[in-house]
Amino acid sequence: MPPIVIYTTRRTPPGRAVELTAKLIGLELEVKWLDLTKKEHLTPEYLKMNPQHTIPTITDNGVPLFDSHSIMIYLVSKYAKNDDLYPEDLVMRARINSILFFEAGVMFPRVRAILEPVIYQGSTEIPQVKVDAIHAAYDLLEATLQSDYLVGDRLTLADISVSTSLSTAAGLFPVDSGKYPKLAAYMKHLEKNMPHYQEFNVQRATEGIDYFWHRMEFNKQT
C-alpha cells in the first residue's frame, strides 16, 4: 500500500495536529513540505487535491482529504488500534466534536488573524482587538476545563487539536496563571504527559513564533 502523504508546513498548528495524531497512533506519514511564501498551495496540482488550498492536505491511496479536524478523525477511525483518542461513545464524541469546532471556529482563526498579516502582508503591528480576542479564547478554555483534559479524564483529539493553536497563541501572549489557573495547569500537564509534545508544541511552535517576530522586524525596516 502506498504511504499516506501529508502536504503541510512545519509550523502551522493544523498541520502539527495531524502529524501529532499520526505519531500517537503509530502511523507513518510521508511529509511533503510546502512553501506558502512561494504560493505552492496555489499550484494547479495542489488545487486539484484541495480546491480550498488549506494546509494540511493528505492523500491516502490516492484519495485527497483536507481540514485538519476531518483528517484527524479519519486517521484515528481507520488506523488507530483502539478508540482512546476518539471514543465510540456518542456523548464523548459529541463533546470532542464541540471542542474541535471551537478550535476550528474560534481558536485557530484568532491565531491566524494575528500571524497572516505580518508574515504574508507586511503588517508591522498587532491590533489590540486581536489580542483581546486571544484572551477571550483563553476565557472560554478556562471555563471549559473541568479536569486535566478538555473532555473526560484522558487525552483525546480535542486536546491534540487545541494544544497546537494554544501553544502558538501562548508563545505570543503568555497565559497568566493568576487569571487562568486551570488553563495554565492544563498546559503544564500536557507538556508533561502528552507524547511528542516537546517536538510539536514547543520546538515547532517556537520556530513559528520566532519567525513571526523576525517578519515583524523585517517589515518595520522595509
Protein backbone atom coordinates (compact mmCIF):
# COMPACT_ATOMS: atom_id res chain seq x y z
CA MET A 1 0.00 0.00 0.00
CA PRO A 2 1.42 3.43 -0.88
CA PRO A 3 2.25 5.70 2.07
CA ILE A 4 -0.12 8.34 3.34
CA VAL A 5 1.26 11.69 2.16
CA ILE A 6 0.76 14.92 4.05
CA TYR A 7 1.27 18.32 2.44
CA THR A 8 1.97 20.81 5.18
CA THR A 9 4.41 23.26 6.76
CA ARG A 10 6.50 22.69 9.86
CA ARG A 11 4.98 25.47 11.92
CA THR A 12 1.27 25.59 11.15
CA PRO A 13 -0.93 24.41 14.07
CA PRO A 14 -3.35 22.37 11.92
CA GLY A 15 -0.50 20.51 10.22
CA ARG A 16 1.18 19.86 13.54
CA ALA A 17 -2.10 18.49 14.92
CA VAL A 18 -2.37 15.95 12.10
CA GLU A 19 1.28 14.90 12.40
CA LEU A 20 0.92 14.58 16.16
CA THR A 21 -2.20 12.44 15.78
CA ALA A 22 -0.36 10.14 13.39
CA LYS A 23 2.55 9.83 15.83
CA LEU A 24 0.23 8.93 18.69
CA ILE A 25 -1.38 6.08 16.74
CA GLY A 26 1.92 4.82 15.33
CA LEU A 27 1.17 5.83 11.75
CA GLU A 28 3.99 6.87 9.44
CA LEU A 29 3.35 9.77 7.09
CA GLU A 30 5.35 10.84 4.08
CA VAL A 31 5.76 14.56 4.61
CA LYS A 32 5.93 16.98 1.71
CA TRP A 33 6.76 20.49 2.89
CA LEU A 34 5.12 23.42 1.16
CA ASP A 35 6.48 26.97 0.96
CA LEU A 36 3.47 29.24 1.26
CA THR A 37 5.55 32.33 0.50
CA LYS A 38 6.08 30.80 -2.95
CA LYS A 39 2.35 30.01 -3.19
CA GLU A 40 2.96 26.30 -3.51
CA HIS A 41 -0.52 25.77 -2.05
CA LEU A 42 -1.98 27.54 -5.11
CA THR A 43 -0.49 25.39 -7.86
CA PRO A 44 -2.87 23.56 -10.19
CA GLU A 45 -1.69 20.25 -8.76
CA TYR A 46 -2.48 21.28 -5.19
CA LEU A 47 -5.80 22.89 -6.08
CA LYS A 48 -6.84 19.67 -7.77
CA MET A 49 -6.40 17.90 -4.43
CA ASN A 50 -7.77 20.71 -2.30
CA PRO A 51 -9.76 23.47 -4.02
CA GLN A 52 -9.85 25.39 -0.72
CA HIS A 53 -6.00 25.41 -0.74
CA THR A 54 -5.81 24.98 3.03
CA ILE A 55 -2.96 23.36 4.95
CA PRO A 56 -2.67 20.45 5.58
CA THR A 57 -3.94 18.07 2.93
CA ILE A 58 -3.34 14.33 2.92
CA THR A 59 -3.66 11.67 0.26
CA ASP A 60 -4.42 8.12 1.33
CA ASN A 61 -4.13 5.61 -1.51
CA GLY A 62 -4.64 8.47 -3.92
CA VAL A 63 -7.69 9.91 -2.14
CA PRO A 64 -7.18 13.54 -1.05
CA LEU A 65 -8.62 14.81 2.25
CA PHE A 66 -8.36 18.24 3.84
CA ASP A 67 -9.21 20.15 7.03
CA SER A 68 -7.09 19.03 9.96
CA HIS A 69 -10.05 18.10 12.16
CA SER A 70 -11.58 15.91 9.47
CA ILE A 71 -8.21 14.31 8.77
CA MET A 72 -7.57 13.56 12.44
CA ILE A 73 -10.93 11.83 12.80
CA TYR A 74 -10.33 9.88 9.60
CA LEU A 75 -6.85 8.68 10.60
CA VAL A 76 -7.94 7.58 14.06
CA SER A 77 -11.13 5.94 12.81
CA LYS A 78 -9.26 3.97 10.13
CA TYR A 79 -5.85 3.25 11.64
CA ALA A 80 -5.88 3.54 15.45
CA LYS A 81 -5.67 0.28 17.38
CA ASN A 82 -8.30 1.48 19.88
CA ASP A 83 -10.78 4.30 20.34
CA ASP A 84 -8.93 6.13 23.13
CA LEU A 85 -8.42 9.35 21.15
CA TYR A 86 -11.95 9.36 19.70
CA PRO A 87 -14.21 7.12 21.77
CA GLU A 88 -17.13 5.32 20.17
CA ASP A 89 -19.42 6.56 22.95
CA LEU A 90 -21.67 9.12 21.23
CA VAL A 91 -21.78 11.55 24.14
CA MET A 92 -17.99 11.59 24.34
CA ARG A 93 -17.75 12.07 20.58
CA ALA A 94 -20.21 14.95 20.70
CA ARG A 95 -18.15 16.63 23.41
CA ILE A 96 -14.92 16.09 21.49
CA ASN A 97 -16.55 17.38 18.31
CA SER A 98 -17.67 20.53 20.12
CA ILE A 99 -14.06 21.25 21.07
CA LEU A 100 -12.86 20.52 17.54
CA PHE A 101 -15.44 23.01 16.24
CA PHE A 102 -14.25 25.52 18.85
CA GLU A 103 -10.68 25.08 17.66
CA ALA A 104 -11.73 25.40 14.03
CA GLY A 105 -14.08 28.34 14.52
CA VAL A 106 -12.53 30.28 17.40
CA MET A 107 -9.03 29.32 18.49
CA PHE A 108 -7.15 28.85 15.26
CA PRO A 109 -8.83 31.69 13.30
CA ARG A 110 -7.86 34.12 16.04
CA VAL A 111 -4.25 32.93 15.93
CA ARG A 112 -4.21 33.09 12.14
CA ALA A 113 -5.67 36.61 12.18
CA ILE A 114 -2.54 37.73 14.03
CA LEU A 115 0.04 35.71 12.11
CA GLU A 116 -1.00 36.12 8.47
CA PRO A 117 -0.97 39.95 8.16
CA VAL A 118 2.59 40.07 9.49
CA ILE A 119 4.00 37.05 7.66
CA TYR A 120 2.30 37.47 4.30
CA GLN A 121 1.03 41.05 4.08
CA GLY A 122 3.82 43.13 5.57
CA SER A 123 1.95 44.35 8.65
CA THR A 124 4.03 45.95 11.39
CA GLU A 125 1.61 45.88 14.30
CA ILE A 126 -0.90 43.72 16.15
CA PRO A 127 -4.23 45.49 16.68
CA GLN A 128 -5.36 45.37 20.31
CA VAL A 129 -8.72 43.97 19.28
CA LYS A 130 -6.94 40.84 18.03
CA VAL A 131 -5.01 40.47 21.27
CA ASP A 132 -8.26 40.82 23.19
CA ALA A 133 -9.78 38.08 21.01
CA ILE A 134 -6.99 35.69 22.01
CA HIS A 135 -7.60 36.40 25.69
CA ALA A 136 -11.33 35.89 25.16
CA ALA A 137 -10.48 32.43 23.79
CA TYR A 138 -8.42 31.79 26.93
CA ASP A 139 -11.50 32.78 28.97
CA LEU A 140 -13.57 30.16 27.14
CA LEU A 141 -10.99 27.43 27.65
CA GLU A 142 -10.65 28.33 31.33
CA ALA A 143 -14.41 27.96 31.73
CA THR A 144 -14.44 24.67 29.80
CA LEU A 145 -11.71 22.87 31.72
CA GLN A 146 -13.04 20.59 34.45
CA SER A 147 -10.16 18.10 34.65
CA ASP A 148 -6.65 17.57 33.35
CA TYR A 149 -8.12 17.22 29.85
CA LEU A 150 -10.73 19.05 27.82
CA VAL A 151 -13.04 16.03 27.54
CA GLY A 152 -13.15 13.23 30.08
CA ASP A 153 -10.16 12.02 32.02
CA ARG A 154 -7.72 11.14 29.23
CA LEU A 155 -6.11 12.58 26.14
CA THR A 156 -8.38 12.87 23.09
CA LEU A 157 -8.40 14.57 19.71
CA ALA A 158 -9.81 17.63 21.47
CA ASP A 159 -6.55 18.13 23.36
CA ILE A 160 -4.36 17.40 20.34
CA SER A 161 -6.14 19.95 18.17
CA VAL A 162 -6.39 22.71 20.76
CA SER A 163 -2.84 22.21 22.02
CA THR A 164 -1.27 23.22 18.72
CA SER A 165 -3.06 26.55 18.34
CA LEU A 166 -2.86 27.17 22.08
CA SER A 167 0.90 26.64 22.22
CA THR A 168 1.37 29.15 19.41
CA ALA A 169 -1.01 31.66 20.97
CA ALA A 170 0.60 31.31 24.39
CA GLY A 171 4.03 31.81 22.87
CA LEU A 172 2.85 35.19 21.61
CA PHE A 173 0.61 36.11 24.54
CA PRO A 174 1.53 34.11 27.66
CA VAL A 175 -1.22 32.52 29.73
CA ASP A 176 -1.38 34.35 33.07
CA SER A 177 -1.61 31.64 35.74
CA GLY A 178 -3.23 34.14 38.10
CA LYS A 179 -6.07 34.89 35.69
CA TYR A 180 -6.19 31.46 34.06
CA PRO A 181 -5.11 28.93 36.70
CA LYS A 182 -6.85 25.94 35.12
CA LEU A 183 -5.57 26.74 31.63
CA ALA A 184 -2.01 27.24 32.86
CA ALA A 185 -2.15 23.94 34.77
CA TYR A 186 -3.62 22.22 31.71
CA MET A 187 -0.73 23.33 29.51
CA LYS A 188 1.81 22.13 32.07
CA HIS A 189 0.00 18.81 32.32
CA LEU A 190 0.05 18.31 28.55
CA GLU A 191 3.72 19.25 28.32
CA LYS A 192 4.50 16.61 30.92
CA ASN A 193 2.12 13.86 29.80
CA MET A 194 1.42 14.19 26.06
CA PRO A 195 3.88 12.15 23.98
CA HIS A 196 5.79 14.20 21.39
CA TYR A 197 4.57 17.47 22.92
CA GLN A 198 8.11 18.84 23.05
CA GLU A 199 8.66 18.40 19.33
CA PHE A 200 5.33 19.65 18.04
CA ASN A 201 4.16 22.17 20.63
CA VAL A 202 7.42 23.54 21.96
CA GLN A 203 10.10 23.28 19.30
CA ARG A 204 7.94 23.81 16.25
CA ALA A 205 5.69 26.36 17.92
CA THR A 206 8.80 28.29 18.92
CA GLU A 207 10.06 28.16 15.33
CA GLY A 208 6.83 29.77 14.20
CA ILE A 209 6.86 32.41 16.91
CA ASP A 210 10.48 33.33 16.22
CA TYR A 211 9.71 33.60 12.51
CA PHE A 212 6.72 35.82 13.25
CA TRP A 213 8.79 38.31 15.25
CA HIS A 214 11.54 38.19 12.62
CA ARG A 215 9.00 39.11 9.94
CA MET A 216 7.64 41.88 12.15
CA GLU A 217 11.11 43.44 12.45
CA PHE A 218 11.78 42.93 8.75
CA ASN A 219 8.52 44.67 7.83
CA LYS A 220 9.38 47.63 10.04
CA GLN A 221 12.71 48.07 8.24
CA THR A 222 11.29 47.95 4.74
